[in-house]
Amino acid sequence: MIRQWNRVGIFRPLSIIVLVAGLAGGLLLAQQERTSGLTSTTATVGNADDVHALALDLADHQNAQDKAKQFATTDAEQARAADDQARKNEAASRSDTRTAKPSASASTASTGVNAGPVPASCAAYTGNKAIGCTLMVKDGFGLDQMPCLDKLWTKESHWTTTAANPNGAYGIPQAYPGSKMQVFGTDWRTNPATQIAWGLNYIKGKYSTPCAAWSHSQSTGSY
């Protein structure tokens, strides 16, 4: 009886120890599994954040490309518009130049008088005609009026300062009487500039332009 109790007394504590160890092992294993699960979940959350950040980076890159294309298109359109405007300005400048250049046909259309070819400058004339052209332009008339003035005073006096008419007309413009020209200078008898200045003033006051005076002279025989 004593030996049998001793064996039972020995195995019972051992069984308890084994049971406790088993329970402790089970608890440790469960703890490890929970820790592993948390680590896996954390890794998954971290991967999701990385994917989201990558998606944002890709979106920013696409937006940058779209803006670059938009700017490139705008720059190209502006360059084309600038080129078109430059061509239009150049064409308008050529048109203005052609319009501003006087011509015989333009003079005829504006006055109804076939005045003849318009000189490029007063250098086309010499002597009293050159003086007449210079004073005419200085007086505000265009070069297209010079052919008319040339014809008018060629008919009246052949641009001669001492040309005298029996009726009393005198000088290049055939002032009547010649003494009228003294208001422009006491040298009115011999100075072509004095006579021409008086004649241009007379034409401006009565006919407005030399071509109008020439037209009247052709119609009536005098001006």
Protein backbone atom coordinates (compact mmCIF):
# COMPACT_ATOMS: atom_id res chain seq x y z
CA MET A 1 0.00 0.00 0.00
CA ILE A 2 2.78 2.37 0.83
CA ARG A 3 4.62 1.72 -2.48
CA GLN A 4 1.45 2.13 -4.53
CA TRP A 5 0.69 5.50 -2.97
CA ASN A 6 4.15 6.66 -3.58
CA ARG A 7 3.86 5.97 -7.31
CA VAL A 8 0.50 7.70 -7.45
CA GLY A 9 1.82 10.63 -5.43
CA ILE A 10 4.77 11.02 -7.76
CA PHE A 11 2.87 10.85 -11.10
CA ARG A 12 0.12 13.27 -10.08
CA PRO A 13 2.43 16.26 -9.62
CA LEU A 14 4.13 15.38 -12.89
CA SER A 15 0.79 15.35 -14.67
CA ILE A 16 -0.03 18.74 -13.27
CA ILE A 17 3.34 20.09 -14.40
CA VAL A 18 2.82 18.72 -17.91
CA LEU A 19 -0.67 20.21 -18.05
CA VAL A 20 0.55 23.60 -16.94
CA ALA A 21 3.40 23.49 -19.45
CA GLY A 22 0.96 22.61 -22.21
CA LEU A 23 -1.31 25.47 -21.29
CA ALA A 24 1.65 27.84 -21.21
CA GLY A 25 2.83 26.64 -24.60
CA GLY A 26 -0.63 27.10 -26.05
CA LEU A 27 -0.84 30.63 -24.74
CA LEU A 28 2.60 31.44 -26.15
CA LEU A 29 1.66 30.05 -29.58
CA ALA A 30 -1.57 32.06 -29.64
CA GLN A 31 0.36 35.19 -28.72
CA GLN A 32 2.82 34.58 -31.55
CA GLU A 33 -0.02 34.07 -34.04
CA ARG A 34 -1.66 37.37 -32.98
CA THR A 35 1.67 39.17 -33.28
CA SER A 36 2.21 37.69 -36.75
CA GLY A 37 -1.28 38.79 -37.79
CA LEU A 38 -0.65 42.34 -36.61
CA THR A 39 2.63 42.43 -38.51
CA SER A 40 0.92 41.18 -41.67
CA THR A 41 -1.86 43.74 -41.27
CA THR A 42 0.67 46.54 -40.74
CA ALA A 43 2.56 45.45 -43.83
CA THR A 44 -0.67 45.44 -45.83
CA VAL A 45 -1.56 48.94 -44.65
CA GLY A 46 1.95 50.09 -45.49
CA ASN A 47 1.68 48.64 -49.00
CA ALA A 48 -1.67 50.41 -49.52
CA ASP A 49 -0.11 53.74 -48.55
CA ASP A 50 2.74 53.17 -51.00
CA VAL A 51 0.31 52.40 -53.81
CA HIS A 52 -1.72 55.52 -53.03
CA ALA A 53 1.41 57.69 -53.02
CA LEU A 54 2.51 56.17 -56.31
CA ALA A 55 -0.90 56.88 -57.84
CA LEU A 56 -0.63 60.51 -56.74
CA ASP A 57 2.83 60.79 -58.27
CA LEU A 58 1.56 59.37 -61.56
CA ALA A 59 -1.38 61.78 -61.54
CA ASP A 60 0.95 64.74 -60.95
CA HIS A 61 3.20 63.57 -63.77
CA GLN A 62 0.24 63.30 -66.15
CA ASN A 63 -0.99 66.76 -65.16
CA ALA A 64 2.48 68.16 -65.81
CA GLN A 65 2.55 66.56 -69.25
CA ASP A 66 -0.94 67.90 -70.05
CA LYS A 67 0.07 71.42 -68.99
CA ALA A 68 3.27 71.22 -71.03
CA LYS A 69 1.24 70.22 -74.12
CA GLN A 70 -1.23 73.04 -73.44
CA PHE A 71 1.56 75.61 -73.14
CA ALA A 72 3.25 74.31 -76.28
CA THR A 73 -0.03 74.58 -78.20
CA THR A 74 -0.64 78.12 -76.91
CA ASP A 75 2.89 79.21 -77.82
CA ALA A 76 2.52 77.78 -81.32
CA GLU A 77 -0.83 79.54 -81.81
CA GLN A 78 0.62 82.84 -80.61
CA ALA A 79 3.59 82.47 -82.94
CA ARG A 80 1.28 81.81 -85.90
CA ALA A 81 -0.86 84.81 -84.96
CA ALA A 82 2.24 87.02 -84.75
CA ASP A 83 3.41 85.83 -88.17
CA ASP A 84 -0.03 86.48 -89.68
CA GLN A 85 -0.12 89.98 -88.19
CA ALA A 86 3.40 90.73 -89.46
CA ARG A 87 2.39 89.67 -92.98
CA LYS A 88 -0.74 91.84 -92.78
CA ASN A 89 1.29 94.83 -91.59
CA GLU A 90 3.81 94.34 -94.38
CA ALA A 91 1.05 94.12 -96.99
CA ALA A 92 -0.63 97.24 -95.58
CA SER A 93 2.69 99.08 -95.64
CA ARG A 94 3.23 98.20 -99.30
CA SER A 95 -0.32 99.31 -100.08
CA ASP A 96 0.17 102.62 -98.26
CA THR A 97 3.42 103.21 -100.12
CA ARG A 98 1.74 102.62 -103.47
CA THR A 99 -1.15 104.89 -102.51
CA ALA A 100 1.07 107.69 -101.19
CA LYS A 101 3.21 107.80 -104.33
CA PRO A 102 1.70 110.42 -106.64
CA SER A 103 1.04 109.60 -110.24
CA ALA A 104 -0.27 111.35 -113.33
CA SER A 105 -3.45 109.28 -113.28
CA ALA A 106 -4.10 110.17 -109.63
CA SER A 107 -3.67 113.86 -110.38
CA THR A 108 -6.05 113.59 -113.31
CA ALA A 109 -8.69 111.76 -111.26
CA SER A 110 -8.64 114.37 -108.48
CA THR A 111 -8.69 117.47 -110.70
CA GLY A 112 -10.11 116.38 -114.02
CA VAL A 113 -6.95 117.79 -115.62
CA ASN A 114 -4.43 115.81 -117.63
CA ALA A 115 -1.49 117.41 -115.86
CA GLY A 116 1.14 114.99 -117.07
CA PRO A 117 3.70 112.87 -115.21
CA VAL A 118 4.38 113.83 -111.60
CA PRO A 119 8.05 114.44 -110.75
CA ALA A 120 9.78 112.41 -108.09
CA SER A 121 11.16 115.64 -106.61
CA CYS A 122 11.79 119.29 -107.48
CA ALA A 123 15.23 118.20 -108.72
CA ALA A 124 13.47 117.31 -111.97
CA TYR A 125 13.37 121.05 -112.77
CA THR A 126 15.94 123.78 -113.27
CA GLY A 127 16.00 127.56 -113.19
CA ASN A 128 12.81 129.41 -112.29
CA LYS A 129 10.80 126.18 -112.48
CA ALA A 130 12.97 124.62 -109.77
CA ILE A 131 12.37 127.71 -107.59
CA GLY A 132 8.66 127.49 -108.33
CA CYS A 133 8.49 123.80 -107.41
CA THR A 134 10.38 124.35 -104.17
CA LEU A 135 8.19 127.26 -103.07
CA MET A 136 5.04 125.39 -104.10
CA VAL A 137 5.87 122.38 -101.90
CA LYS A 138 6.90 124.71 -99.05
CA ASP A 139 3.53 126.42 -99.42
CA GLY A 140 1.75 123.12 -98.71
CA PHE A 141 0.96 121.83 -102.21
CA GLY A 142 1.81 118.31 -103.32
CA LEU A 143 4.21 117.48 -106.13
CA ASP A 144 1.23 116.32 -108.19
CA GLN A 145 0.33 120.04 -108.60
CA MET A 146 3.65 120.95 -110.21
CA PRO A 147 2.79 119.73 -113.75
CA CYS A 148 -0.29 121.98 -113.67
CA LEU A 149 1.68 124.97 -112.41
CA ASP A 150 4.34 124.34 -115.05
CA LYS A 151 1.75 124.34 -117.85
CA LEU A 152 -0.08 127.37 -116.44
CA TRP A 153 2.92 129.67 -116.18
CA THR A 154 4.54 128.34 -119.34
CA LYS A 155 1.40 129.50 -121.13
CA GLU A 156 1.35 132.86 -119.29
CA SER A 157 5.02 133.90 -119.39
CA HIS A 158 7.32 130.96 -120.15
CA TRP A 159 8.54 131.47 -116.57
CA THR A 160 10.22 134.76 -117.54
CA THR A 161 10.50 137.40 -114.80
CA THR A 162 10.36 140.33 -117.22
CA ALA A 163 7.49 139.05 -119.36
CA ALA A 164 5.18 142.01 -120.01
CA ASN A 165 1.77 142.13 -121.62
CA PRO A 166 0.50 145.26 -123.39
CA ASN A 167 -2.53 145.30 -121.10
CA GLY A 168 -0.24 145.72 -118.05
CA ALA A 169 0.21 142.13 -116.80
CA TYR A 170 3.75 141.41 -115.70
CA GLY A 171 6.19 138.73 -114.55
CA ILE A 172 6.03 134.95 -114.24
CA PRO A 173 2.46 134.82 -112.89
CA GLN A 174 1.37 137.76 -115.09
CA ALA A 175 0.09 139.83 -112.22
CA TYR A 176 -2.22 142.62 -113.32
CA PRO A 177 -0.98 145.16 -112.75
CA GLY A 178 2.53 143.97 -111.96
CA SER A 179 2.85 146.38 -109.06
CA LYS A 180 0.54 144.14 -107.00
CA MET A 181 3.55 141.89 -106.36
CA GLN A 182 5.37 144.56 -104.36
CA VAL A 183 3.57 143.37 -101.21
CA PHE A 184 5.91 140.35 -101.37
CA GLY A 185 9.03 142.40 -102.02
CA THR A 186 10.34 145.60 -103.53
CA ASP A 187 12.35 143.50 -106.00
CA TRP A 188 9.16 142.24 -107.63
CA ARG A 189 10.28 143.34 -111.10
CA THR A 190 13.29 140.98 -111.31
CA ASN A 191 13.20 138.44 -108.46
CA PRO A 192 11.56 135.13 -109.52
CA ALA A 193 11.06 134.06 -105.89
CA THR A 194 9.06 137.21 -105.09
CA GLN A 195 6.91 136.82 -108.20
CA ILE A 196 6.31 133.09 -107.60
CA ALA A 197 5.40 133.64 -103.94
CA TRP A 198 2.80 136.23 -104.98
CA GLY A 199 1.47 133.97 -107.73
CA LEU A 200 1.07 130.96 -105.42
CA ASN A 201 -0.76 133.09 -102.88
CA TYR A 202 -3.08 134.37 -105.61
CA ILE A 203 -3.82 130.83 -106.86
CA LYS A 204 -4.48 129.52 -103.35
CA GLY A 205 -6.91 132.32 -102.56
CA LYS A 206 -8.88 132.17 -105.82
CA TYR A 207 -8.62 128.54 -107.06
CA SER A 208 -7.27 126.54 -104.10
CA THR A 209 -4.80 124.57 -106.24
CA PRO A 210 -2.63 125.08 -109.34
CA CYS A 211 -4.49 122.29 -111.13
CA ALA A 212 -7.81 124.07 -110.54
CA ALA A 213 -6.27 127.29 -111.88
CA TRP A 214 -4.94 125.44 -114.93
CA SER A 215 -8.36 123.90 -115.55
CA HIS A 216 -9.96 127.36 -115.45
CA SER A 217 -7.31 128.71 -117.81
CA GLN A 218 -8.01 125.94 -120.29
CA SER A 219 -11.73 126.71 -120.17
CA THR A 220 -11.59 130.51 -120.35
CA GLY A 221 -8.15 131.33 -121.74
CA SER A 222 -6.88 132.99 -118.55
CA TYR A 223 -6.85 132.55 -114.78
